Amino acid sequence: MKNFFRLSFLMAATTLASVPALAQEAASKGGGLFAIGAGVAIGVAAMGGAIGQGRAAAAALDGIARNPSASGKIFVPMIIGLALIESLVIYALIIAFNLSGKA
């Protein structure tokens, strides 16, 4: 749990450190808040997707370790779940690109 808080602090610091650069570039166009929103959106989406994928993979591997004969029944739904989680992160990336395009 301690490592999780370190990782989340590191990700938040990285996101907040990159936001002024985006805001300064977009300030001349009058859309600084769109750039900040784009940076925060992709940062939160990437963090949430990584946590979700990690928990899904851990649960699947735990289930396979407890019952190795069920690996075929666990593996396919896990891959589908990971693909759906990743698609949500890609949607956030598209929204961030749209927001930065408005800036």
PDB file of N, CA and C in Angstrom:
ATOM      1  N   MET A   1       0.823  -1.187   0.000  1.00  0.00           N
ATOM      2  CA  MET A   1       0.000   0.000   0.000  1.00  0.00           C
ATOM      3  C   MET A   1       0.870   1.255   0.000  1.00  0.00           C
ATOM      4  N   LYS A   2       2.012   1.145   0.669  1.00  0.00           N
ATOM      5  CA  LYS A   2       2.919   2.281   0.736  1.00  0.00           C
ATOM      6  C   LYS A   2       3.467   2.613  -0.654  1.00  0.00           C
ATOM      7  N   ASN A   3       3.775   1.566  -1.434  1.00  0.00           N
ATOM      8  CA  ASN A   3       4.267   1.790  -2.787  1.00  0.00           C
ATOM      9  C   ASN A   3       3.197   2.404  -3.675  1.00  0.00           C
ATOM     10  N   PHE A   4       1.926   2.044  -3.432  1.00  0.00           N
ATOM     11  CA  PHE A   4       0.833   2.625  -4.211  1.00  0.00           C
ATOM     12  C   PHE A   4       0.766   4.130  -4.010  1.00  0.00           C
ATOM     13  N   PHE A   5       0.918   4.583  -2.775  1.00  0.00           N
ATOM     14  CA  PHE A   5       0.869   6.018  -2.515  1.00  0.00           C
ATOM     15  C   PHE A   5       2.076   6.734  -3.118  1.00  0.00           C
ATOM     16  N   ARG A   6       3.237   6.090  -3.104  1.00  0.00           N
ATOM     17  CA  ARG A   6       4.407   6.681  -3.751  1.00  0.00           C
ATOM     18  C   ARG A   6       4.189   6.805  -5.248  1.00  0.00           C
ATOM     19  N   LEU A   7       3.639   5.739  -5.846  1.00  0.00           N
ATOM     20  CA  LEU A   7       3.393   5.747  -7.280  1.00  0.00           C
ATOM     21  C   LEU A   7       2.348   6.797  -7.646  1.00  0.00           C
ATOM     22  N   SER A   8       1.277   6.894  -6.867  1.00  0.00           N
ATOM     23  CA  SER A   8       0.252   7.884  -7.179  1.00  0.00           C
ATOM     24  C   SER A   8       0.792   9.306  -6.992  1.00  0.00           C
ATOM     25  N   PHE A   9       1.644   9.522  -5.998  1.00  0.00           N
ATOM     26  CA  PHE A   9       2.249  10.840  -5.828  1.00  0.00           C
ATOM     27  C   PHE A   9       3.161  11.173  -6.993  1.00  0.00           C
ATOM     28  N   LEU A  10       3.933  10.183  -7.443  1.00  0.00           N
ATOM     29  CA  LEU A  10       4.832  10.395  -8.572  1.00  0.00           C
ATOM     30  C   LEU A  10       4.047  10.721  -9.841  1.00  0.00           C
ATOM     31  N   MET A  11       2.957  10.004 -10.064  1.00  0.00           N
ATOM     32  CA  MET A  11       2.142  10.268 -11.255  1.00  0.00           C
ATOM     33  C   MET A  11       1.482  11.644 -11.175  1.00  0.00           C
ATOM     34  N   ALA A  12       0.998  12.011  -9.995  1.00  0.00           N
ATOM     35  CA  ALA A  12       0.381  13.322  -9.839  1.00  0.00           C
ATOM     36  C   ALA A  12       1.414  14.436 -10.035  1.00  0.00           C
ATOM     37  N   ALA A  13       2.606  14.243  -9.504  1.00  0.00           N
ATOM     38  CA  ALA A  13       3.648  15.255  -9.662  1.00  0.00           C
ATOM     39  C   ALA A  13       4.055  15.394 -11.126  1.00  0.00           C
ATOM     40  N   THR A  14       4.144  14.272 -11.840  1.00  0.00           N
ATOM     41  CA  THR A  14       4.497  14.318 -13.255  1.00  0.00           C
ATOM     42  C   THR A  14       3.422  15.028 -14.061  1.00  0.00           C
ATOM     43  N   THR A  15       2.169  14.715 -13.768  1.00  0.00           N
ATOM     44  CA  THR A  15       1.066  15.362 -14.486  1.00  0.00           C
ATOM     45  C   THR A  15       1.044  16.855 -14.211  1.00  0.00           C
ATOM     46  N   LEU A  16       1.187  17.239 -12.949  1.00  0.00           N
ATOM     47  CA  LEU A  16       1.131  18.658 -12.608  1.00  0.00           C
ATOM     48  C   LEU A  16       2.365  19.417 -13.102  1.00  0.00           C
ATOM     49  N   ALA A  17       3.478  18.719 -13.262  1.00  0.00           N
ATOM     50  CA  ALA A  17       4.668  19.394 -13.772  1.00  0.00           C
ATOM     51  C   ALA A  17       4.535  19.687 -15.258  1.00  0.00           C
ATOM     52  N   SER A  18       3.801  18.862 -15.989  1.00  0.00           N
ATOM     53  CA  SER A  18       3.658  19.076 -17.427  1.00  0.00           C
ATOM     54  C   SER A  18       2.530  20.045 -17.759  1.00  0.00           C
ATOM     55  N   VAL A  19       1.623  20.284 -16.829  1.00  0.00           N
ATOM     56  CA  VAL A  19       0.482  21.155 -17.102  1.00  0.00           C
ATOM     57  C   VAL A  19       0.891  22.600 -17.391  1.00  0.00           C
ATOM     58  N   PRO A  20       1.829  23.224 -16.651  1.00  0.00           N
ATOM     59  CA  PRO A  20       2.189  24.610 -16.978  1.00  0.00           C
ATOM     60  C   PRO A  20       2.727  24.779 -18.400  1.00  0.00           C
ATOM     61  N   ALA A  21       3.446  23.789 -18.893  1.00  0.00           N
ATOM     62  CA  ALA A  21       3.963  23.892 -20.264  1.00  0.00           C
ATOM     63  C   ALA A  21       2.815  23.920 -21.259  1.00  0.00           C
ATOM     64  N   LEU A  22       1.823  23.078 -21.037  1.00  0.00           N
ATOM     65  CA  LEU A  22       0.660  23.077 -21.918  1.00  0.00           C
ATOM     66  C   LEU A  22      -0.141  24.367 -21.769  1.00  0.00           C
ATOM     67  N   ALA A  23      -0.271  24.846 -20.542  1.00  0.00           N
ATOM     68  CA  ALA A  23      -1.059  26.050 -20.308  1.00  0.00           C
ATOM     69  C   ALA A  23      -0.373  27.276 -20.908  1.00  0.00           C
ATOM     70  N   GLN A  24       0.948  27.337 -20.834  1.00  0.00           N
ATOM     71  CA  GLN A  24       1.656  28.486 -21.375  1.00  0.00           C
ATOM     72  C   GLN A  24       1.519  28.526 -22.896  1.00  0.00           C
ATOM     73  N   GLU A  25       1.610  27.376 -23.534  1.00  0.00           N
ATOM     74  CA  GLU A  25       1.468  27.327 -24.982  1.00  0.00           C
ATOM     75  C   GLU A  25       0.051  27.717 -25.403  1.00  0.00           C
ATOM     76  N   ALA A  26      -0.936  27.272 -24.644  1.00  0.00           N
ATOM     77  CA  ALA A  26      -2.319  27.523 -25.018  1.00  0.00           C
ATOM     78  C   ALA A  26      -2.803  28.893 -24.545  1.00  0.00           C
ATOM     79  N   ALA A  27      -2.068  29.549 -23.655  1.00  0.00           N
ATOM     80  CA  ALA A  27      -2.509  30.834 -23.139  1.00  0.00           C
ATOM     81  C   ALA A  27      -2.548  31.881 -24.243  1.00  0.00           C
ATOM     82  N   SER A  28      -1.651  31.755 -25.196  1.00  0.00           N
ATOM     83  CA  SER A  28      -1.651  32.727 -26.282  1.00  0.00           C
ATOM     84  C   SER A  28      -2.875  32.557 -27.172  1.00  0.00           C
ATOM     85  N   LYS A  29      -3.437  31.361 -27.193  1.00  0.00           N
ATOM     86  CA  LYS A  29      -4.639  31.103 -27.982  1.00  0.00           C
ATOM     87  C   LYS A  29      -5.911  31.323 -27.170  1.00  0.00           C
ATOM     88  N   GLY A  30      -5.781  31.498 -25.868  1.00  0.00           N
ATOM     89  CA  GLY A  30      -6.938  31.742 -25.028  1.00  0.00           C
ATOM     90  C   GLY A  30      -7.615  30.481 -24.538  1.00  0.00           C
ATOM     91  N   GLY A  31      -6.976  29.328 -24.606  1.00  0.00           N
ATOM     92  CA  GLY A  31      -7.600  28.085 -24.191  1.00  0.00           C
ATOM     93  C   GLY A  31      -6.774  27.318 -23.192  1.00  0.00           C
ATOM     94  N   GLY A  32      -6.237  27.989 -22.184  1.00  0.00           N
ATOM     95  CA  GLY A  32      -5.384  27.327 -21.206  1.00  0.00           C
ATOM     96  C   GLY A  32      -6.101  26.258 -20.406  1.00  0.00           C
ATOM     97  N   LEU A  33      -7.384  26.468 -20.126  1.00  0.00           N
ATOM     98  CA  LEU A  33      -8.119  25.479 -19.342  1.00  0.00           C
ATOM     99  C   LEU A  33      -8.351  24.202 -20.127  1.00  0.00           C
ATOM    100  N   PHE A  34      -8.484  24.305 -21.450  1.00  0.00           N
ATOM    101  CA  PHE A  34      -8.630  23.087 -22.255  1.00  0.00           C
ATOM    102  C   PHE A  34      -7.361  22.258 -22.196  1.00  0.00           C
ATOM    103  N   ALA A  35      -6.212  22.907 -22.228  1.00  0.00           N
ATOM    104  CA  ALA A  35      -4.941  22.192 -22.171  1.00  0.00           C
ATOM    105  C   ALA A  35      -4.741  21.537 -20.810  1.00  0.00           C
ATOM    106  N   ILE A  36      -5.103  22.232 -19.760  1.00  0.00           N
ATOM    107  CA  ILE A  36      -5.012  21.655 -18.417  1.00  0.00           C
ATOM    108  C   ILE A  36      -5.963  20.482 -18.298  1.00  0.00           C
ATOM    109  N   GLY A  37      -7.165  20.628 -18.814  1.00  0.00           N
ATOM    110  CA  GLY A  37      -8.132  19.529 -18.786  1.00  0.00           C
ATOM    111  C   GLY A  37      -7.645  18.324 -19.558  1.00  0.00           C
ATOM    112  N   ALA A  38      -6.998  18.558 -20.695  1.00  0.00           N
ATOM    113  CA  ALA A  38      -6.470  17.449 -21.489  1.00  0.00           C
ATOM    114  C   ALA A  38      -5.371  16.714 -20.732  1.00  0.00           C
ATOM    115  N   GLY A  39      -4.482  17.453 -20.098  1.00  0.00           N
ATOM    116  CA  GLY A  39      -3.406  16.822 -19.340  1.00  0.00           C
ATOM    117  C   GLY A  39      -3.907  16.029 -18.152  1.00  0.00           C
ATOM    118  N   VAL A  40      -4.861  16.595 -17.426  1.00  0.00           N
ATOM    119  CA  VAL A  40      -5.419  15.898 -16.270  1.00  0.00           C
ATOM    120  C   VAL A  40      -6.219  14.677 -16.715  1.00  0.00           C
ATOM    121  N   ALA A  41      -6.969  14.807 -17.815  1.00  0.00           N
ATOM    122  CA  ALA A  41      -7.796  13.695 -18.284  1.00  0.00           C
ATOM    123  C   ALA A  41      -6.962  12.492 -18.659  1.00  0.00           C
ATOM    124  N   ILE A  42      -5.904  12.698 -19.395  1.00  0.00           N
ATOM    125  CA  ILE A  42      -5.101  11.551 -19.810  1.00  0.00           C
ATOM    126  C   ILE A  42      -4.304  10.999 -18.632  1.00  0.00           C
ATOM    127  N   GLY A  43      -3.899  11.846 -17.702  1.00  0.00           N
ATOM    128  CA  GLY A  43      -3.191  11.357 -16.515  1.00  0.00           C
ATOM    129  C   GLY A  43      -4.062  10.489 -15.634  1.00  0.00           C
ATOM    130  N   VAL A  44      -5.285  10.937 -15.374  1.00  0.00           N
ATOM    131  CA  VAL A  44      -6.211  10.165 -14.549  1.00  0.00           C
ATOM    132  C   VAL A  44      -6.617   8.880 -15.263  1.00  0.00           C
ATOM    133  N   ALA A  45      -6.862   8.959 -16.564  1.00  0.00           N
ATOM    134  CA  ALA A  45      -7.266   7.773 -17.315  1.00  0.00           C
ATOM    135  C   ALA A  45      -6.157   6.733 -17.342  1.00  0.00           C
ATOM    136  N   ALA A  46      -4.933   7.156 -17.531  1.00  0.00           N
ATOM    137  CA  ALA A  46      -3.815   6.212 -17.553  1.00  0.00           C
ATOM    138  C   ALA A  46      -3.615   5.572 -16.183  1.00  0.00           C
ATOM    139  N   MET A  47      -3.740   6.369 -15.131  1.00  0.00           N
ATOM    140  CA  MET A  47      -3.588   5.822 -13.788  1.00  0.00           C
ATOM    141  C   MET A  47      -4.709   4.837 -13.470  1.00  0.00           C
ATOM    142  N   GLY A  48      -5.938   5.194 -13.792  1.00  0.00           N
ATOM    143  CA  GLY A  48      -7.062   4.298 -13.529  1.00  0.00           C
ATOM    144  C   GLY A  48      -6.986   3.024 -14.351  1.00  0.00           C
ATOM    145  N   GLY A  49      -6.591   3.155 -15.610  1.00  0.00           N
ATOM    146  CA  GLY A  49      -6.464   1.975 -16.465  1.00  0.00           C
ATOM    147  C   GLY A  49      -5.371   1.048 -15.979  1.00  0.00           C
ATOM    148  N   ALA A  50      -4.255   1.602 -15.539  1.00  0.00           N
ATOM    149  CA  ALA A  50      -3.153   0.770 -15.041  1.00  0.00           C
ATOM    150  C   ALA A  50      -3.545   0.038 -13.765  1.00  0.00           C
ATOM    151  N   ILE A  51      -4.247   0.726 -12.886  1.00  0.00           N
ATOM    152  CA  ILE A  51      -4.691   0.075 -11.650  1.00  0.00           C
ATOM    153  C   ILE A  51      -5.709  -1.019 -11.966  1.00  0.00           C
ATOM    154  N   GLY A  52      -6.639  -0.726 -12.863  1.00  0.00           N
ATOM    155  CA  GLY A  52      -7.645  -1.721 -13.234  1.00  0.00           C
ATOM    156  C   GLY A  52      -7.043  -2.943 -13.902  1.00  0.00           C
ATOM    157  N   GLN A  53      -6.105  -2.725 -14.804  1.00  0.00           N
ATOM    158  CA  GLN A  53      -5.469  -3.858 -15.469  1.00  0.00           C
ATOM    159  C   GLN A  53      -4.639  -4.684 -14.491  1.00  0.00           C
ATOM    160  N   GLY A  54      -3.979  -4.027 -13.591  1.00  0.00           N
ATOM    161  CA  GLY A  54      -3.192  -4.752 -12.591  1.00  0.00           C
ATOM    162  C   GLY A  54      -4.061  -5.604 -11.685  1.00  0.00           C
ATOM    163  N   ARG A  55      -5.176  -5.045 -11.256  1.00  0.00           N
ATOM    164  CA  ARG A  55      -6.076  -5.813 -10.384  1.00  0.00           C
ATOM    165  C   ARG A  55      -6.730  -6.958 -11.131  1.00  0.00           C
ATOM    166  N   ALA A  56      -7.101  -6.744 -12.399  1.00  0.00           N
ATOM    167  CA  ALA A  56      -7.721  -7.812 -13.192  1.00  0.00           C
ATOM    168  C   ALA A  56      -6.741  -8.952 -13.426  1.00  0.00           C
ATOM    169  N   ALA A  57      -5.517  -8.616 -13.776  1.00  0.00           N
ATOM    170  CA  ALA A  57      -4.511  -9.654 -14.014  1.00  0.00           C
ATOM    171  C   ALA A  57      -4.181 -10.397 -12.719  1.00  0.00           C
ATOM    172  N   ALA A  58      -4.088  -9.682 -11.608  1.00  0.00           N
ATOM    173  CA  ALA A  58      -3.791 -10.330 -10.331  1.00  0.00           C
ATOM    174  C   ALA A  58      -4.904 -11.291  -9.926  1.00  0.00           C
ATOM    175  N   ALA A  59      -6.151 -10.868 -10.128  1.00  0.00           N
ATOM    176  CA  ALA A  59      -7.275 -11.741  -9.779  1.00  0.00           C
ATOM    177  C   ALA A  59      -7.309 -12.972 -10.680  1.00  0.00           C
ATOM    178  N   ALA A  60      -7.037 -12.803 -11.960  1.00  0.00           N
ATOM    179  CA  ALA A  60      -7.035 -13.941 -12.881  1.00  0.00           C
ATOM    180  C   ALA A  60      -5.910 -14.910 -12.549  1.00  0.00           C
ATOM    181  N   LEU A  61      -4.738 -14.378 -12.280  1.00  0.00           N
ATOM    182  CA  LEU A  61      -3.622 -15.262 -11.931  1.00  0.00           C
ATOM    183  C   LEU A  61      -3.853 -15.963 -10.597  1.00  0.00           C
ATOM    184  N   ASP A  62      -4.496 -15.297  -9.674  1.00  0.00           N
ATOM    185  CA  ASP A  62      -4.830 -15.923  -8.403  1.00  0.00           C
ATOM    186  C   ASP A  62      -5.823 -17.065  -8.624  1.00  0.00           C
ATOM    187  N   GLY A  63      -6.811 -16.827  -9.484  1.00  0.00           N
ATOM    188  CA  GLY A  63      -7.777 -17.887  -9.788  1.00  0.00           C
ATOM    189  C   GLY A  63      -7.136 -19.067 -10.496  1.00  0.00           C
ATOM    190  N   ILE A  64      -6.214 -18.796 -11.403  1.00  0.00           N
ATOM    191  CA  ILE A  64      -5.523 -19.880 -12.107  1.00  0.00           C
ATOM    192  C   ILE A  64      -4.605 -20.635 -11.144  1.00  0.00           C
ATOM    193  N   ALA A  65      -3.978 -19.931 -10.208  1.00  0.00           N
ATOM    194  CA  ALA A  65      -3.099 -20.595  -9.237  1.00  0.00           C
ATOM    195  C   ALA A  65      -3.898 -21.496  -8.301  1.00  0.00           C
ATOM    196  N   ARG A  66      -5.115 -21.100  -7.969  1.00  0.00           N
ATOM    197  CA  ARG A  66      -5.939 -21.918  -7.082  1.00  0.00           C
ATOM    198  C   ARG A  66      -6.526 -23.125  -7.798  1.00  0.00           C
ATOM    199  N   ASN A  67      -6.844 -22.949  -9.099  1.00  0.00           N
ATOM    200  CA  ASN A  67      -7.451 -24.029  -9.859  1.00  0.00           C
ATOM    201  C   ASN A  67      -6.861 -24.035 -11.271  1.00  0.00           C
ATOM    202  N   PRO A  68      -5.741 -24.702 -11.462  1.00  0.00           N
ATOM    203  CA  PRO A  68      -5.078 -24.674 -12.777  1.00  0.00           C
ATOM    204  C   PRO A  68      -5.928 -25.250 -13.911  1.00  0.00           C
ATOM    205  N   SER A  69      -6.858 -26.118 -13.611  1.00  0.00           N
ATOM    206  CA  SER A  69      -7.680 -26.695 -14.674  1.00  0.00           C
ATOM    207  C   SER A  69      -8.687 -25.686 -15.232  1.00  0.00           C
ATOM    208  N   ALA A  70      -8.918 -24.594 -14.532  1.00  0.00           N
ATOM    209  CA  ALA A  70      -9.863 -23.577 -14.999  1.00  0.00           C
ATOM    210  C   ALA A  70      -9.174 -22.454 -15.759  1.00  0.00           C
ATOM    211  N   SER A  71      -7.922 -22.647 -16.123  1.00  0.00           N
ATOM    212  CA  SER A  71      -7.185 -21.562 -16.774  1.00  0.00           C
ATOM    213  C   SER A  71      -7.800 -21.181 -18.118  1.00  0.00           C
ATOM    214  N   GLY A  72      -8.336 -22.146 -18.850  1.00  0.00           N
ATOM    215  CA  GLY A  72      -8.966 -21.839 -20.135  1.00  0.00           C
ATOM    216  C   GLY A  72     -10.224 -21.006 -19.975  1.00  0.00           C
ATOM    217  N   LYS A  73     -10.963 -21.247 -18.886  1.00  0.00           N
ATOM    218  CA  LYS A  73     -12.194 -20.497 -18.635  1.00  0.00           C
ATOM    219  C   LYS A  73     -11.915 -19.108 -18.068  1.00  0.00           C
ATOM    220  N   ILE A  74     -10.761 -18.908 -17.495  1.00  0.00           N
ATOM    221  CA  ILE A  74     -10.411 -17.610 -16.892  1.00  0.00           C
ATOM    222  C   ILE A  74      -9.660 -16.729 -17.885  1.00  0.00           C
ATOM    223  N   PHE A  75      -8.838 -17.332 -18.721  1.00  0.00           N
ATOM    224  CA  PHE A  75      -7.933 -16.564 -19.577  1.00  0.00           C
ATOM    225  C   PHE A  75      -8.671 -15.694 -20.589  1.00  0.00           C
ATOM    226  N   VAL A  76      -9.652 -16.259 -21.287  1.00  0.00           N
ATOM    227  CA  VAL A  76     -10.356 -15.503 -22.338  1.00  0.00           C
ATOM    228  C   VAL A  76     -11.127 -14.317 -21.762  1.00  0.00           C
ATOM    229  N   PRO A  77     -11.931 -14.480 -20.689  1.00  0.00           N
ATOM    230  CA  PRO A  77     -12.599 -13.294 -20.129  1.00  0.00           C
ATOM    231  C   PRO A  77     -11.623 -12.243 -19.603  1.00  0.00           C
ATOM    232  N   MET A  78     -10.462 -12.703 -19.089  1.00  0.00           N
ATOM    233  CA  MET A  78      -9.474 -11.738 -18.617  1.00  0.00           C
ATOM    234  C   MET A  78      -8.948 -10.897 -19.780  1.00  0.00           C
ATOM    235  N   ILE A  79      -8.642 -11.533 -20.907  1.00  0.00           N
ATOM    236  CA  ILE A  79      -8.134 -10.797 -22.065  1.00  0.00           C
ATOM    237  C   ILE A  79      -9.192  -9.827 -22.583  1.00  0.00           C
ATOM    238  N   ILE A  80     -10.448 -10.242 -22.609  1.00  0.00           N
ATOM    239  CA  ILE A  80     -11.531  -9.349 -23.056  1.00  0.00           C
ATOM    240  C   ILE A  80     -11.663  -8.166 -22.092  1.00  0.00           C
ATOM    241  N   GLY A  81     -11.572  -8.436 -20.788  1.00  0.00           N
ATOM    242  CA  GLY A  81     -11.641  -7.355 -19.803  1.00  0.00           C
ATOM    243  C   GLY A  81     -10.484  -6.382 -19.932  1.00  0.00           C
ATOM    244  N   LEU A  82      -9.275  -6.897 -20.164  1.00  0.00           N
ATOM    245  CA  LEU A  82      -8.122  -6.021 -20.346  1.00  0.00           C
ATOM    246  C   LEU A  82      -8.265  -5.167 -21.601  1.00  0.00           C
ATOM    247  N   ALA A  83      -8.832  -5.750 -22.661  1.00  0.00           N
ATOM    248  CA  ALA A  83      -9.042  -4.975 -23.886  1.00  0.00           C
ATOM    249  C   ALA A  83     -10.061  -3.866 -23.663  1.00  0.00           C
ATOM    250  N   LEU A  84     -11.116  -4.148 -22.905  1.00  0.00           N
ATOM    251  CA  LEU A  84     -12.114  -3.113 -22.620  1.00  0.00           C
ATOM    252  C   LEU A  84     -11.539  -2.004 -21.741  1.00  0.00           C
ATOM    253  N   ILE A  85     -10.722  -2.372 -20.765  1.00  0.00           N
ATOM    254  CA  ILE A  85     -10.078  -1.359 -19.929  1.00  0.00           C
ATOM    255  C   ILE A  85      -9.171  -0.478 -20.780  1.00  0.00           C
ATOM    256  N   GLU A  86      -8.402  -1.098 -21.663  1.00  0.00           N
ATOM    257  CA  GLU A  86      -7.488  -0.339 -22.521  1.00  0.00           C
ATOM    258  C   GLU A  86      -8.257   0.566 -23.480  1.00  0.00           C
ATOM    259  N   SER A  87      -9.422   0.109 -23.942  1.00  0.00           N
ATOM    260  CA  SER A  87     -10.211   0.951 -24.857  1.00  0.00           C
ATOM    261  C   SER A  87     -10.702   2.210 -24.147  1.00  0.00           C
ATOM    262  N   LEU A  88     -10.995   2.123 -22.862  1.00  0.00           N
ATOM    263  CA  LEU A  88     -11.404   3.320 -22.125  1.00  0.00           C
ATOM    264  C   LEU A  88     -10.257   4.322 -22.034  1.00  0.00           C
ATOM    265  N   VAL A  89      -9.047   3.837 -21.860  1.00  0.00           N
ATOM    266  CA  VAL A  89      -7.882   4.738 -21.819  1.00  0.00           C
ATOM    267  C   VAL A  89      -7.663   5.377 -23.186  1.00  0.00           C
ATOM    268  N   ILE A  90      -7.874   4.613 -24.252  1.00  0.00           N
ATOM    269  CA  ILE A  90      -7.730   5.173 -25.601  1.00  0.00           C
ATOM    270  C   ILE A  90      -8.800   6.228 -25.863  1.00  0.00           C
ATOM    271  N   TYR A  91     -10.031   6.006 -25.378  1.00  0.00           N
ATOM    272  CA  TYR A  91     -11.070   7.029 -25.508  1.00  0.00           C
ATOM    273  C   TYR A  91     -10.661   8.304 -24.784  1.00  0.00           C
ATOM    274  N   ALA A  92     -10.068   8.170 -23.610  1.00  0.00           N
ATOM    275  CA  ALA A  92      -9.601   9.359 -22.876  1.00  0.00           C
ATOM    276  C   ALA A  92      -8.501  10.071 -23.652  1.00  0.00           C
ATOM    277  N   LEU A  93      -7.631   9.310 -24.323  1.00  0.00           N
ATOM    278  CA  LEU A  93      -6.594   9.926 -25.139  1.00  0.00           C
ATOM    279  C   LEU A  93      -7.204  10.707 -26.297  1.00  0.00           C
ATOM    280  N   ILE A  94      -8.227  10.160 -26.918  1.00  0.00           N
ATOM    281  CA  ILE A  94      -8.899  10.860 -28.016  1.00  0.00           C
ATOM    282  C   ILE A  94      -9.565  12.136 -27.510  1.00  0.00           C
ATOM    283  N   ILE A  95     -10.199  12.069 -26.349  1.00  0.00           N
ATOM    284  CA  ILE A  95     -10.825  13.257 -25.774  1.00  0.00           C
ATOM    285  C   ILE A  95      -9.760  14.302 -25.437  1.00  0.00           C
ATOM    286  N   ALA A  96      -8.611  13.851 -24.908  1.00  0.00           N
ATOM    287  CA  ALA A  96      -7.536  14.798 -24.598  1.00  0.00           C
ATOM    288  C   ALA A  96      -7.023  15.468 -25.846  1.00  0.00           C
ATOM    289  N   PHE A  97      -6.892  14.721 -26.949  1.00  0.00           N
ATOM    290  CA  PHE A  97      -6.471  15.328 -28.222  1.00  0.00           C
ATOM    291  C   PHE A  97      -7.507  16.335 -28.711  1.00  0.00           C
ATOM    292  N   ASN A  98      -8.782  16.014 -28.568  1.00  0.00           N
ATOM    293  CA  ASN A  98      -9.823  16.955 -28.957  1.00  0.00           C
ATOM    294  C   ASN A  98      -9.789  18.226 -28.121  1.00  0.00           C
ATOM    295  N   LEU A  99      -9.576  18.075 -26.812  1.00  0.00           N
ATOM    296  CA  LEU A  99      -9.500  19.237 -25.948  1.00  0.00           C
ATOM    297  C   LEU A  99      -8.272  20.098 -26.271  1.00  0.00           C
ATOM    298  N   SER A 100      -7.143  19.447 -26.530  1.00  0.00           N
ATOM    299  CA  SER A 100      -5.944  20.232 -26.844  1.00  0.00           C
ATOM    300  C   SER A 100      -6.064  20.877 -28.223  1.00  0.00           C
ATOM    301  N   GLY A 101      -6.860  20.306 -29.110  1.00  0.00           N
ATOM    302  CA  GLY A 101      -7.106  20.922 -30.415  1.00  0.00           C
ATOM    303  C   GLY A 101      -7.934  22.189 -30.306  1.00  0.00           C
ATOM    304  N   LYS A 102      -8.786  22.279 -29.262  1.00  0.00           N
ATOM    305  CA  LYS A 102      -9.606  23.469 -29.049  1.00  0.00           C
ATOM    306  C   LYS A 102      -8.804  24.590 -28.404  1.00  0.00           C
ATOM    307  N   ALA A 103      -7.678  24.230 -27.831  1.00  0.00           N
ATOM    308  CA  ALA A 103      -6.880  25.250 -27.126  1.00  0.00           C
ATOM    309  C   ALA A 103      -6.186  26.171 -28.095  1.00  0.00           C
TER     310      ALA A 103
END
